[in-house]
Amino acid sequence: MARTTEPNGTPVPQRLLAAATRLFAERGYDRTSVQEIVEAAGVTKGALYHYFGSKDDLLHEVYARVLRVQQERLDAFADADAPVEQRLRDAAADVVVTTIENLDDASIFFRSMHHLGPEKDKQVRAERRRYHERFRALVEEGQRSGVFSEATPADLVVDYHFGSVHHLSTWYRPNGPLTPQQVADHLADLLLRALRP
């Protein structure tokens, strides 16, 4: 049976994901071989296939690990005992910050999603839909209660915000003039301004 950790204490799956993320970001998913990933991670192909059935599974996990964190945080914001405007603002800012904190992952995924097999593609789309529906429910709650304007359909409001989030990897630079939190605050404020009655 494959060891779960290497001598330095880093679990093998994390080493594989770190190596795959770096190589996918540098070279692209389609130009990175399984052999290059295992060499970069310092493990064998057998170890990779013990934890991940394929390179496709690695690509899926690169995105899924970020989405899991974002979903947990969104659920916590949505369930909080706070006015809907504050809950939506917190959720809108958080998805920006967590995307910037995982910019390589987001960039890799949006560049390479079309490489996923049909089953993984279906799974990812379902996970993303669940996230978007929970976010949209906050917009709808505010619209029903009169806190937010109903002039723009909730679906369009959500698409507007996530369009901005998905483009972060094309322009945001860690050494730029804005911190992740500043970008998050600006985008969350834009969203809330668009929803004002």
N, C-alpha and C. Protein backbone atom coordinates (compact mmCIF):
# COMPACT_ATOMS: atom_id res chain seq x y z
N MET A 1 0.85 -1.20 0.00
CA MET A 1 0.00 0.00 0.00
C MET A 1 0.89 1.25 0.00
N ALA A 2 0.46 2.29 -0.72
CA ALA A 2 1.24 3.51 -0.83
C ALA A 2 1.27 4.25 0.50
N ARG A 3 2.40 4.87 0.79
CA ARG A 3 2.50 5.68 2.00
C ARG A 3 1.65 6.93 1.84
N THR A 4 1.06 7.38 2.94
CA THR A 4 0.23 8.57 2.86
C THR A 4 1.05 9.84 3.04
N THR A 5 2.25 9.72 3.62
CA THR A 5 3.11 10.89 3.76
C THR A 5 4.51 10.54 3.32
N GLU A 6 5.23 11.56 2.95
CA GLU A 6 6.64 11.41 2.61
C GLU A 6 7.47 11.77 3.83
N PRO A 7 8.78 11.54 3.79
CA PRO A 7 9.63 11.83 4.95
C PRO A 7 9.50 13.27 5.47
N ASN A 8 9.20 14.23 4.61
CA ASN A 8 9.08 15.61 5.10
C ASN A 8 7.72 15.88 5.77
N GLY A 9 6.86 14.87 5.83
CA GLY A 9 5.58 15.00 6.52
C GLY A 9 4.43 15.50 5.67
N THR A 10 4.70 15.91 4.43
CA THR A 10 3.63 16.38 3.55
C THR A 10 2.89 15.18 2.97
N PRO A 11 1.58 15.12 3.14
CA PRO A 11 0.84 14.00 2.56
C PRO A 11 1.03 13.92 1.05
N VAL A 12 1.13 12.71 0.55
CA VAL A 12 1.37 12.49 -0.88
C VAL A 12 0.30 13.17 -1.75
N PRO A 13 -1.00 13.07 -1.43
CA PRO A 13 -1.98 13.75 -2.27
C PRO A 13 -1.73 15.26 -2.38
N GLN A 14 -1.31 15.88 -1.28
CA GLN A 14 -1.03 17.31 -1.31
C GLN A 14 0.20 17.61 -2.16
N ARG A 15 1.20 16.75 -2.09
CA ARG A 15 2.40 16.94 -2.93
C ARG A 15 2.03 16.84 -4.40
N LEU A 16 1.20 15.86 -4.72
CA LEU A 16 0.78 15.68 -6.11
C LEU A 16 -0.03 16.88 -6.60
N LEU A 17 -0.95 17.34 -5.78
CA LEU A 17 -1.77 18.49 -6.17
C LEU A 17 -0.93 19.76 -6.32
N ALA A 18 0.02 19.95 -5.41
CA ALA A 18 0.89 21.12 -5.50
C ALA A 18 1.72 21.08 -6.78
N ALA A 19 2.27 19.91 -7.09
CA ALA A 19 3.08 19.77 -8.31
C ALA A 19 2.21 19.97 -9.55
N ALA A 20 1.03 19.35 -9.57
CA ALA A 20 0.14 19.48 -10.72
C ALA A 20 -0.30 20.93 -10.90
N THR A 21 -0.63 21.60 -9.82
CA THR A 21 -1.07 22.99 -9.90
C THR A 21 0.03 23.86 -10.50
N ARG A 22 1.24 23.70 -10.01
CA ARG A 22 2.36 24.51 -10.50
C ARG A 22 2.60 24.24 -11.99
N LEU A 23 2.62 22.96 -12.37
CA LEU A 23 2.89 22.60 -13.76
C LEU A 23 1.74 23.01 -14.69
N PHE A 24 0.50 22.80 -14.26
CA PHE A 24 -0.64 23.22 -15.08
C PHE A 24 -0.62 24.74 -15.29
N ALA A 25 -0.26 25.48 -14.23
CA ALA A 25 -0.21 26.94 -14.34
C ALA A 25 0.91 27.39 -15.28
N GLU A 26 2.06 26.72 -15.19
CA GLU A 26 3.22 27.11 -16.01
C GLU A 26 3.08 26.67 -17.46
N ARG A 27 2.66 25.42 -17.67
CA ARG A 27 2.70 24.82 -19.01
C ARG A 27 1.33 24.62 -19.64
N GLY A 28 0.30 24.60 -18.83
CA GLY A 28 -1.02 24.24 -19.33
C GLY A 28 -1.30 22.77 -19.04
N TYR A 29 -2.56 22.46 -18.87
CA TYR A 29 -2.97 21.09 -18.54
C TYR A 29 -2.57 20.12 -19.65
N ASP A 30 -2.87 20.48 -20.89
CA ASP A 30 -2.64 19.55 -21.99
C ASP A 30 -1.17 19.34 -22.31
N ARG A 31 -0.31 20.26 -21.88
CA ARG A 31 1.13 20.11 -22.16
C ARG A 31 1.90 19.55 -20.97
N THR A 32 1.18 19.10 -19.95
CA THR A 32 1.82 18.51 -18.76
C THR A 32 1.54 17.01 -18.74
N SER A 33 2.60 16.23 -18.61
CA SER A 33 2.42 14.77 -18.59
C SER A 33 2.34 14.26 -17.16
N VAL A 34 1.77 13.08 -17.01
CA VAL A 34 1.72 12.43 -15.70
C VAL A 34 3.13 12.22 -15.18
N GLN A 35 4.05 11.84 -16.06
CA GLN A 35 5.43 11.62 -15.64
C GLN A 35 6.05 12.89 -15.05
N GLU A 36 5.78 14.03 -15.66
CA GLU A 36 6.31 15.29 -15.13
C GLU A 36 5.73 15.61 -13.76
N ILE A 37 4.46 15.30 -13.57
CA ILE A 37 3.82 15.56 -12.27
C ILE A 37 4.45 14.70 -11.19
N VAL A 38 4.61 13.39 -11.46
CA VAL A 38 5.15 12.52 -10.41
C VAL A 38 6.61 12.85 -10.12
N GLU A 39 7.36 13.24 -11.14
CA GLU A 39 8.76 13.63 -10.90
C GLU A 39 8.82 14.89 -10.05
N ALA A 40 7.97 15.87 -10.35
CA ALA A 40 7.95 17.11 -9.58
C ALA A 40 7.51 16.87 -8.14
N ALA A 41 6.61 15.91 -7.95
CA ALA A 41 6.12 15.60 -6.60
C ALA A 41 7.06 14.66 -5.85
N GLY A 42 7.99 14.03 -6.58
CA GLY A 42 8.92 13.10 -5.94
C GLY A 42 8.27 11.80 -5.53
N VAL A 43 7.29 11.35 -6.33
CA VAL A 43 6.60 10.09 -6.03
C VAL A 43 6.58 9.24 -7.31
N THR A 44 6.00 8.06 -7.19
CA THR A 44 5.91 7.16 -8.35
C THR A 44 4.54 7.32 -9.02
N LYS A 45 4.45 6.81 -10.25
CA LYS A 45 3.15 6.81 -10.92
C LYS A 45 2.14 5.98 -10.12
N GLY A 46 2.64 4.92 -9.50
CA GLY A 46 1.75 4.09 -8.68
C GLY A 46 1.12 4.89 -7.55
N ALA A 47 1.90 5.81 -6.97
CA ALA A 47 1.36 6.65 -5.89
C ALA A 47 0.28 7.58 -6.44
N LEU A 48 0.55 8.15 -7.61
CA LEU A 48 -0.46 9.04 -8.20
C LEU A 48 -1.76 8.27 -8.43
N TYR A 49 -1.64 7.09 -9.05
CA TYR A 49 -2.87 6.34 -9.38
C TYR A 49 -3.53 5.74 -8.14
N HIS A 50 -2.80 5.67 -7.04
CA HIS A 50 -3.41 5.22 -5.79
C HIS A 50 -4.40 6.28 -5.27
N TYR A 51 -4.03 7.56 -5.44
CA TYR A 51 -4.86 8.65 -4.92
C TYR A 51 -5.75 9.29 -5.97
N PHE A 52 -5.30 9.31 -7.20
CA PHE A 52 -6.04 9.94 -8.29
C PHE A 52 -6.09 8.97 -9.45
N GLY A 53 -7.26 8.72 -9.97
CA GLY A 53 -7.38 7.74 -11.03
C GLY A 53 -6.78 8.18 -12.35
N SER A 54 -6.59 9.50 -12.51
CA SER A 54 -6.11 10.01 -13.80
C SER A 54 -5.67 11.46 -13.63
N LYS A 55 -5.06 11.99 -14.67
CA LYS A 55 -4.70 13.42 -14.70
C LYS A 55 -5.98 14.26 -14.64
N ASP A 56 -7.03 13.77 -15.25
CA ASP A 56 -8.35 14.39 -15.22
C ASP A 56 -8.83 14.56 -13.77
N ASP A 57 -8.59 13.54 -12.93
CA ASP A 57 -8.98 13.63 -11.52
C ASP A 57 -8.20 14.73 -10.80
N LEU A 58 -6.93 14.90 -11.16
CA LEU A 58 -6.13 15.97 -10.57
C LEU A 58 -6.71 17.34 -10.95
N LEU A 59 -7.05 17.51 -12.22
CA LEU A 59 -7.64 18.77 -12.67
C LEU A 59 -8.94 19.05 -11.92
N HIS A 60 -9.75 18.04 -11.78
CA HIS A 60 -11.00 18.21 -11.04
C HIS A 60 -10.74 18.63 -9.61
N GLU A 61 -9.78 18.00 -8.96
CA GLU A 61 -9.49 18.30 -7.55
C GLU A 61 -8.91 19.68 -7.37
N VAL A 62 -8.13 20.17 -8.35
CA VAL A 62 -7.59 21.53 -8.28
C VAL A 62 -8.74 22.52 -8.08
N TYR A 63 -9.80 22.34 -8.83
CA TYR A 63 -10.94 23.25 -8.72
C TYR A 63 -11.83 22.90 -7.53
N ALA A 64 -12.06 21.62 -7.32
CA ALA A 64 -13.01 21.19 -6.28
C ALA A 64 -12.56 21.63 -4.89
N ARG A 65 -11.25 21.64 -4.65
CA ARG A 65 -10.79 22.01 -3.30
C ARG A 65 -11.11 23.48 -3.02
N VAL A 66 -11.02 24.34 -4.03
CA VAL A 66 -11.37 25.75 -3.84
C VAL A 66 -12.88 25.89 -3.67
N LEU A 67 -13.62 25.21 -4.52
CA LEU A 67 -15.08 25.31 -4.44
C LEU A 67 -15.62 24.79 -3.11
N ARG A 68 -15.00 23.74 -2.56
CA ARG A 68 -15.44 23.23 -1.24
C ARG A 68 -15.29 24.30 -0.17
N VAL A 69 -14.15 24.99 -0.16
CA VAL A 69 -13.93 26.07 0.81
C VAL A 69 -14.95 27.18 0.60
N GLN A 70 -15.14 27.57 -0.66
CA GLN A 70 -16.08 28.65 -0.95
C GLN A 70 -17.51 28.28 -0.57
N GLN A 71 -17.89 27.02 -0.81
CA GLN A 71 -19.24 26.59 -0.46
C GLN A 71 -19.45 26.59 1.05
N GLU A 72 -18.47 26.10 1.80
CA GLU A 72 -18.58 26.10 3.26
C GLU A 72 -18.71 27.52 3.79
N ARG A 73 -17.93 28.43 3.24
CA ARG A 73 -17.96 29.81 3.71
C ARG A 73 -19.27 30.49 3.31
N LEU A 74 -19.74 30.23 2.09
CA LEU A 74 -21.01 30.80 1.66
C LEU A 74 -22.15 30.30 2.55
N ASP A 75 -22.15 29.01 2.84
CA ASP A 75 -23.19 28.46 3.72
C ASP A 75 -23.18 29.14 5.08
N ALA A 76 -21.97 29.40 5.60
CA ALA A 76 -21.86 30.06 6.90
C ALA A 76 -22.39 31.49 6.82
N PHE A 77 -22.04 32.22 5.77
CA PHE A 77 -22.55 33.59 5.61
C PHE A 77 -24.07 33.59 5.46
N ALA A 78 -24.58 32.69 4.61
CA ALA A 78 -26.02 32.64 4.34
C ALA A 78 -26.82 32.29 5.59
N ASP A 79 -26.25 31.45 6.46
CA ASP A 79 -26.95 31.01 7.67
C ASP A 79 -26.74 31.93 8.86
N ALA A 80 -25.90 32.94 8.71
CA ALA A 80 -25.59 33.84 9.83
C ALA A 80 -26.82 34.64 10.26
N ASP A 81 -26.78 35.07 11.50
CA ASP A 81 -27.87 35.89 12.04
C ASP A 81 -27.51 37.36 11.81
N ALA A 82 -27.71 37.79 10.57
CA ALA A 82 -27.37 39.17 10.18
C ALA A 82 -28.35 39.59 9.10
N PRO A 83 -28.50 40.90 8.88
CA PRO A 83 -29.38 41.37 7.80
C PRO A 83 -28.91 40.80 6.45
N VAL A 84 -29.86 40.60 5.55
CA VAL A 84 -29.54 39.98 4.26
C VAL A 84 -28.51 40.80 3.48
N GLU A 85 -28.57 42.12 3.60
CA GLU A 85 -27.60 42.96 2.89
C GLU A 85 -26.17 42.66 3.36
N GLN A 86 -25.99 42.47 4.66
CA GLN A 86 -24.66 42.16 5.20
C GLN A 86 -24.22 40.75 4.79
N ARG A 87 -25.15 39.81 4.84
CA ARG A 87 -24.81 38.43 4.46
C ARG A 87 -24.40 38.34 3.00
N LEU A 88 -25.14 39.05 2.12
CA LEU A 88 -24.79 39.04 0.70
C LEU A 88 -23.45 39.73 0.47
N ARG A 89 -23.22 40.86 1.13
CA ARG A 89 -21.95 41.58 0.96
C ARG A 89 -20.78 40.72 1.40
N ASP A 90 -20.93 40.06 2.56
CA ASP A 90 -19.86 39.18 3.07
C ASP A 90 -19.58 38.06 2.08
N ALA A 91 -20.63 37.44 1.55
CA ALA A 91 -20.47 36.34 0.60
C ALA A 91 -19.84 36.83 -0.70
N ALA A 92 -20.28 38.01 -1.18
CA ALA A 92 -19.77 38.57 -2.43
C ALA A 92 -18.29 38.91 -2.31
N ALA A 93 -17.89 39.45 -1.17
CA ALA A 93 -16.47 39.79 -0.96
C ALA A 93 -15.64 38.52 -0.77
N ASP A 94 -16.19 37.56 -0.06
CA ASP A 94 -15.43 36.34 0.23
C ASP A 94 -15.06 35.56 -1.03
N VAL A 95 -15.98 35.47 -1.98
CA VAL A 95 -15.68 34.70 -3.19
C VAL A 95 -14.57 35.38 -3.99
N VAL A 96 -14.46 36.69 -3.87
CA VAL A 96 -13.36 37.41 -4.53
C VAL A 96 -12.04 37.09 -3.84
N VAL A 97 -12.02 37.22 -2.52
CA VAL A 97 -10.79 36.97 -1.76
C VAL A 97 -10.31 35.53 -1.94
N THR A 98 -11.22 34.57 -1.81
CA THR A 98 -10.80 33.17 -1.92
C THR A 98 -10.38 32.81 -3.33
N THR A 99 -10.95 33.48 -4.33
CA THR A 99 -10.51 33.25 -5.71
C THR A 99 -9.10 33.81 -5.91
N ILE A 100 -8.85 35.02 -5.41
CA ILE A 100 -7.52 35.61 -5.54
C ILE A 100 -6.48 34.78 -4.78
N GLU A 101 -6.85 34.29 -3.60
CA GLU A 101 -5.93 33.47 -2.82
C GLU A 101 -5.59 32.16 -3.54
N ASN A 102 -6.43 31.75 -4.46
CA ASN A 102 -6.24 30.51 -5.22
C ASN A 102 -6.26 30.81 -6.71
N LEU A 103 -5.59 31.88 -7.10
CA LEU A 103 -5.67 32.37 -8.47
C LEU A 103 -5.17 31.37 -9.49
N ASP A 104 -4.08 30.64 -9.17
CA ASP A 104 -3.59 29.63 -10.10
C ASP A 104 -4.66 28.57 -10.34
N ASP A 105 -5.29 28.12 -9.25
CA ASP A 105 -6.31 27.08 -9.36
C ASP A 105 -7.46 27.54 -10.25
N ALA A 106 -7.93 28.77 -10.00
CA ALA A 106 -9.05 29.30 -10.77
C ALA A 106 -8.67 29.47 -12.24
N SER A 107 -7.48 29.99 -12.47
CA SER A 107 -7.00 30.21 -13.83
C SER A 107 -6.88 28.89 -14.59
N ILE A 108 -6.26 27.91 -13.94
CA ILE A 108 -6.09 26.58 -14.55
C ILE A 108 -7.45 26.02 -14.92
N PHE A 109 -8.36 26.11 -13.98
CA PHE A 109 -9.64 25.47 -14.22
C PHE A 109 -10.39 26.11 -15.37
N PHE A 110 -10.47 27.43 -15.38
CA PHE A 110 -11.24 28.07 -16.45
C PHE A 110 -10.58 27.93 -17.81
N ARG A 111 -9.26 27.78 -17.82
CA ARG A 111 -8.55 27.54 -19.08
C ARG A 111 -8.71 26.10 -19.55
N SER A 112 -8.89 25.17 -18.59
CA SER A 112 -8.79 23.75 -18.91
C SER A 112 -10.04 22.93 -18.65
N MET A 113 -11.12 23.55 -18.23
CA MET A 113 -12.33 22.81 -17.89
C MET A 113 -12.80 21.91 -19.03
N HIS A 114 -12.59 22.35 -20.26
CA HIS A 114 -13.05 21.57 -21.41
C HIS A 114 -12.30 20.23 -21.54
N HIS A 115 -11.22 20.05 -20.79
CA HIS A 115 -10.49 18.78 -20.82
C HIS A 115 -11.12 17.72 -19.91
N LEU A 116 -12.03 18.11 -19.04
CA LEU A 116 -12.66 17.14 -18.14
C LEU A 116 -13.52 16.17 -18.94
N GLY A 117 -13.51 14.91 -18.48
CA GLY A 117 -14.40 13.91 -19.07
C GLY A 117 -15.84 14.24 -18.74
N PRO A 118 -16.78 13.62 -19.44
CA PRO A 118 -18.21 13.95 -19.25
C PRO A 118 -18.70 13.83 -17.81
N GLU A 119 -18.26 12.79 -17.11
CA GLU A 119 -18.73 12.59 -15.74
C GLU A 119 -18.21 13.67 -14.79
N LYS A 120 -16.92 13.97 -14.89
CA LYS A 120 -16.33 15.02 -14.04
C LYS A 120 -16.91 16.38 -14.40
N ASP A 121 -17.12 16.63 -15.68
CA ASP A 121 -17.70 17.89 -16.12
C ASP A 121 -19.09 18.07 -15.52
N LYS A 122 -19.87 17.01 -15.55
CA LYS A 122 -21.22 17.04 -14.99
C LYS A 122 -21.18 17.31 -13.48
N GLN A 123 -20.23 16.67 -12.81
CA GLN A 123 -20.08 16.84 -11.36
C GLN A 123 -19.70 18.28 -11.02
N VAL A 124 -18.74 18.84 -11.73
CA VAL A 124 -18.31 20.21 -11.49
C VAL A 124 -19.44 21.19 -11.74
N ARG A 125 -20.16 20.99 -12.82
CA ARG A 125 -21.28 21.89 -13.13
C ARG A 125 -22.34 21.84 -12.03
N ALA A 126 -22.58 20.66 -11.48
CA ALA A 126 -23.55 20.52 -10.38
C ALA A 126 -23.05 21.24 -9.13
N GLU A 127 -21.75 21.12 -8.84
CA GLU A 127 -21.18 21.79 -7.66
C GLU A 127 -21.25 23.31 -7.82
N ARG A 128 -20.92 23.79 -9.00
CA ARG A 128 -20.98 25.24 -9.26
C ARG A 128 -22.42 25.73 -9.19
N ARG A 129 -23.35 24.95 -9.74
CA ARG A 129 -24.76 25.34 -9.72
C ARG A 129 -25.25 25.47 -8.27
N ARG A 130 -24.86 24.52 -7.42
CA ARG A 130 -25.27 24.58 -6.02
C ARG A 130 -24.78 25.87 -5.36
N TYR A 131 -23.53 26.24 -5.66
CA TYR A 131 -22.97 27.47 -5.10
C TYR A 131 -23.75 28.68 -5.61
N HIS A 132 -23.95 28.75 -6.91
CA HIS A 132 -24.64 29.89 -7.50
C HIS A 132 -26.08 29.99 -7.00
N GLU A 133 -26.74 28.85 -6.81
CA GLU A 133 -28.13 28.87 -6.33
C GLU A 133 -28.22 29.39 -4.90
N ARG A 134 -27.24 29.02 -4.08
CA ARG A 134 -27.25 29.51 -2.69
C ARG A 134 -27.00 31.01 -2.67
N PHE A 135 -26.10 31.48 -3.52
CA PHE A 135 -25.81 32.91 -3.62
C PHE A 135 -27.04 33.65 -4.14
N ARG A 136 -27.66 33.09 -5.17
CA ARG A 136 -28.86 33.72 -5.75
C ARG A 136 -29.99 33.79 -4.72
N ALA A 137 -30.08 32.79 -3.86
CA ALA A 137 -31.14 32.78 -2.85
C ALA A 137 -31.02 33.99 -1.92
N LEU A 138 -29.80 34.45 -1.66
CA LEU A 138 -29.62 35.65 -0.83
C LEU A 138 -30.15 36.88 -1.57
N VAL A 139 -29.87 36.97 -2.86
CA VAL A 139 -30.38 38.09 -3.66
C VAL A 139 -31.91 38.06 -3.65
N GLU A 140 -32.47 36.89 -3.88
CA GLU A 140 -33.94 36.75 -3.92
C GLU A 140 -34.57 37.07 -2.57
N GLU A 141 -33.91 36.66 -1.49
CA GLU A 141 -34.43 36.97 -0.16
C GLU A 141 -34.51 38.48 0.04
N GLY A 142 -33.45 39.18 -0.36
CA GLY A 142 -33.45 40.63 -0.24
C GLY A 142 -34.47 41.29 -1.15
N GLN A 143 -34.67 40.73 -2.35
CA GLN A 143 -35.68 41.29 -3.26
C GLN A 143 -37.09 41.09 -2.72
N ARG A 144 -37.36 39.90 -2.17
CA ARG A 144 -38.69 39.63 -1.60
C ARG A 144 -39.01 40.55 -0.43
N SER A 145 -37.98 40.83 0.37
CA SER A 145 -38.22 41.64 1.57
C SER A 145 -38.17 43.14 1.29
N GLY A 146 -37.86 43.53 0.04
CA GLY A 146 -37.83 44.94 -0.31
C GLY A 146 -36.51 45.64 -0.03
N VAL A 147 -35.53 44.91 0.48
CA VAL A 147 -34.21 45.49 0.75
C VAL A 147 -33.47 45.75 -0.57
N PHE A 148 -33.66 44.85 -1.54
CA PHE A 148 -33.03 44.98 -2.85
C PHE A 148 -34.09 45.25 -3.91
N SER A 149 -33.69 45.95 -4.95
CA SER A 149 -34.56 46.21 -6.09
C SER A 149 -34.84 44.92 -6.84
N GLU A 150 -36.06 44.83 -7.37
CA GLU A 150 -36.42 43.68 -8.21
C GLU A 150 -36.30 44.01 -9.69
N ALA A 151 -35.74 45.19 -10.00
CA ALA A 151 -35.67 45.65 -11.39
C ALA A 151 -34.83 44.71 -12.26
N THR A 152 -33.80 44.11 -11.67
CA THR A 152 -32.94 43.18 -12.41
C THR A 152 -33.17 41.78 -11.86
N PRO A 153 -33.42 40.79 -12.73
CA PRO A 153 -33.63 39.42 -12.25
C PRO A 153 -32.42 38.92 -11.46
N ALA A 154 -32.69 38.16 -10.41
CA ALA A 154 -31.62 37.66 -9.53
C ALA A 154 -30.56 36.87 -10.31
N ASP A 155 -30.98 36.08 -11.29
CA ASP A 155 -30.02 35.31 -12.08
C ASP A 155 -29.00 36.22 -12.76
N LEU A 156 -29.49 37.33 -13.29
CA LEU A 156 -28.60 38.26 -13.99
C LEU A 156 -27.65 38.95 -13.02
N VAL A 157 -28.13 39.26 -11.83
CA VAL A 157 -27.29 39.86 -10.79
C VAL A 157 -26.15 38.91 -10.43
N VAL A 158 -26.48 37.64 -10.26
CA VAL A 158 -25.48 36.64 -9.90
C VAL A 158 -24.47 36.48 -11.04
N ASP A 159 -24.95 36.40 -12.27
CA ASP A 159 -24.04 36.27 -13.43
C ASP A 159 -23.11 37.47 -13.53
N TYR A 160 -23.62 38.65 -13.24
CA TYR A 160 -22.82 39.88 -13.27
C TYR A 160 -21.66 39.78 -12.28
N HIS A 161 -21.97 39.37 -11.06
CA HIS A 161 -20.92 39.30 -10.04
C HIS A 161 -19.91 38.20 -10.37
N PHE A 162 -20.39 37.04 -10.74
CA PHE A 162 -19.46 35.93 -10.99
C PHE A 162 -18.68 36.12 -12.29
N GLY A 163 -19.21 36.90 -13.21
CA GLY A 163 -18.42 37.25 -14.39
C GLY A 163 -17.17 38.02 -13.98
N SER A 164 -17.34 38.95 -13.02
CA SER A 164 -16.19 39.70 -12.51
C SER A 164 -15.21 38.78 -11.80
N VAL A 165 -15.73 37.86 -11.02
CA VAL A 165 -14.87 36.93 -10.28
C VAL A 165 -14.08 36.05 -11.24
N HIS A 166 -14.73 35.55 -12.27
CA HIS A 166 -14.06 34.64 -13.20
C HIS A 166 -12.99 35.33 -14.03
N HIS A 167 -13.06 36.66 -14.15
CA HIS A 167 -12.04 37.39 -14.91
C HIS A 167 -10.85 37.83 -14.06
N LEU A 168 -10.90 37.61 -12.77
CA LEU A 168 -9.79 38.04 -11.90
C LEU A 168 -8.45 37.49 -12.36
N SER A 169 -8.43 36.25 -12.81
CA SER A 169 -7.16 35.64 -13.19
C SER A 169 -6.55 36.28 -14.43
N THR A 170 -7.33 37.06 -15.17
CA THR A 170 -6.79 37.69 -16.38
C THR A 170 -6.12 39.02 -16.09
N TRP A 171 -6.43 39.63 -14.92
CA TRP A 171 -5.85 40.96 -14.68
C TRP A 171 -5.24 41.16 -13.30
N TYR A 172 -5.69 40.41 -12.29
CA TYR A 172 -5.19 40.69 -10.94
C TYR A 172 -3.73 40.23 -10.80
N ARG A 173 -2.92 41.10 -10.20
CA ARG A 173 -1.52 40.78 -9.93
C ARG A 173 -1.23 41.03 -8.45
N PRO A 174 -0.64 40.05 -7.77
CA PRO A 174 -0.37 40.20 -6.33
C PRO A 174 0.46 41.45 -5.99
N ASN A 175 1.31 41.89 -6.92
CA ASN A 175 2.13 43.06 -6.65
C ASN A 175 1.50 44.35 -7.17
N GLY A 176 0.22 44.28 -7.53
CA GLY A 176 -0.50 45.44 -8.04
C GLY A 176 -0.90 46.39 -6.92
N PRO A 177 -1.63 47.46 -7.28
CA PRO A 177 -1.96 48.49 -6.29
C PRO A 177 -3.06 48.11 -5.29
N LEU A 178 -3.84 47.08 -5.59
CA LEU A 178 -4.96 46.71 -4.71
C LEU A 178 -4.71 45.37 -4.03
N THR A 179 -5.02 45.32 -2.75
CA THR A 179 -4.95 44.04 -2.03
C THR A 179 -6.17 43.21 -2.39
N PRO A 180 -6.13 41.90 -2.12
CA PRO A 180 -7.32 41.08 -2.37
C PRO A 180 -8.57 41.63 -1.67
N GLN A 181 -8.42 42.08 -0.43
CA GLN A 181 -9.58 42.59 0.30
C GLN A 181 -10.11 43.88 -0.32
N GLN A 182 -9.22 44.74 -0.81
CA GLN A 182 -9.68 45.97 -1.46
C GLN A 182 -10.46 45.67 -2.73
N VAL A 183 -9.97 44.73 -3.54
CA VAL A 183 -10.70 44.33 -4.74
C VAL A 183 -12.06 43.76 -4.33
N ALA A 184 -12.05 42.91 -3.31
CA ALA A 184 -13.29 42.28 -2.84
C ALA A 184 -14.29 43.34 -2.38
N ASP A 185 -13.82 44.33 -1.63
CA ASP A 185 -14.71 45.38 -1.14
C ASP A 185 -15.31 46.19 -2.29
N HIS A 186 -14.48 46.53 -3.27
CA HIS A 186 -14.99 47.30 -4.42
C HIS A 186 -16.05 46.50 -5.18
N LEU A 187 -15.77 45.24 -5.46
CA LEU A 187 -16.73 44.43 -6.24
C LEU A 187 -18.00 44.17 -5.45
N ALA A 188 -17.88 43.93 -4.14
CA ALA A 188 -19.07 43.72 -3.31
C ALA A 188 -19.91 44.99 -3.26
N ASP A 189 -19.24 46.14 -3.15
CA ASP A 189 -19.97 47.42 -3.12
C ASP A 189 -20.68 47.68 -4.45
N LEU A 190 -20.02 47.35 -5.57
CA LEU A 190 -20.67 47.50 -6.88
C LEU A 190 -21.93 46.65 -6.96
N LEU A 191 -21.83 45.42 -6.46
CA LEU A 191 -23.00 44.53 -6.48
C LEU A 191 -24.14 45.12 -5.67
N LEU A 192 -23.84 45.59 -4.48
CA LEU A 192 -24.90 46.13 -3.63
C LEU A 192 -25.49 47.42 -4.19
N ARG A 193 -24.64 48.23 -4.82
CA ARG A 193 -25.17 49.45 -5.46
C ARG A 193 -26.14 49.09 -6.58
N ALA A 194 -25.82 48.04 -7.33
CA ALA A 194 -26.70 47.61 -8.42
C ALA A 194 -28.05 47.11 -7.91
N LEU A 195 -28.09 46.69 -6.65
CA LEU A 195 -29.32 46.13 -6.10
C LEU A 195 -30.14 47.14 -5.30
N ARG A 196 -29.60 48.34 -5.10
CA ARG A 196 -30.35 49.32 -4.29
C ARG A 196 -31.66 49.68 -4.94
N PRO A 197 -32.71 49.78 -4.12
CA PRO A 197 -34.05 50.17 -4.67
C PRO A 197 -34.03 51.59 -5.19
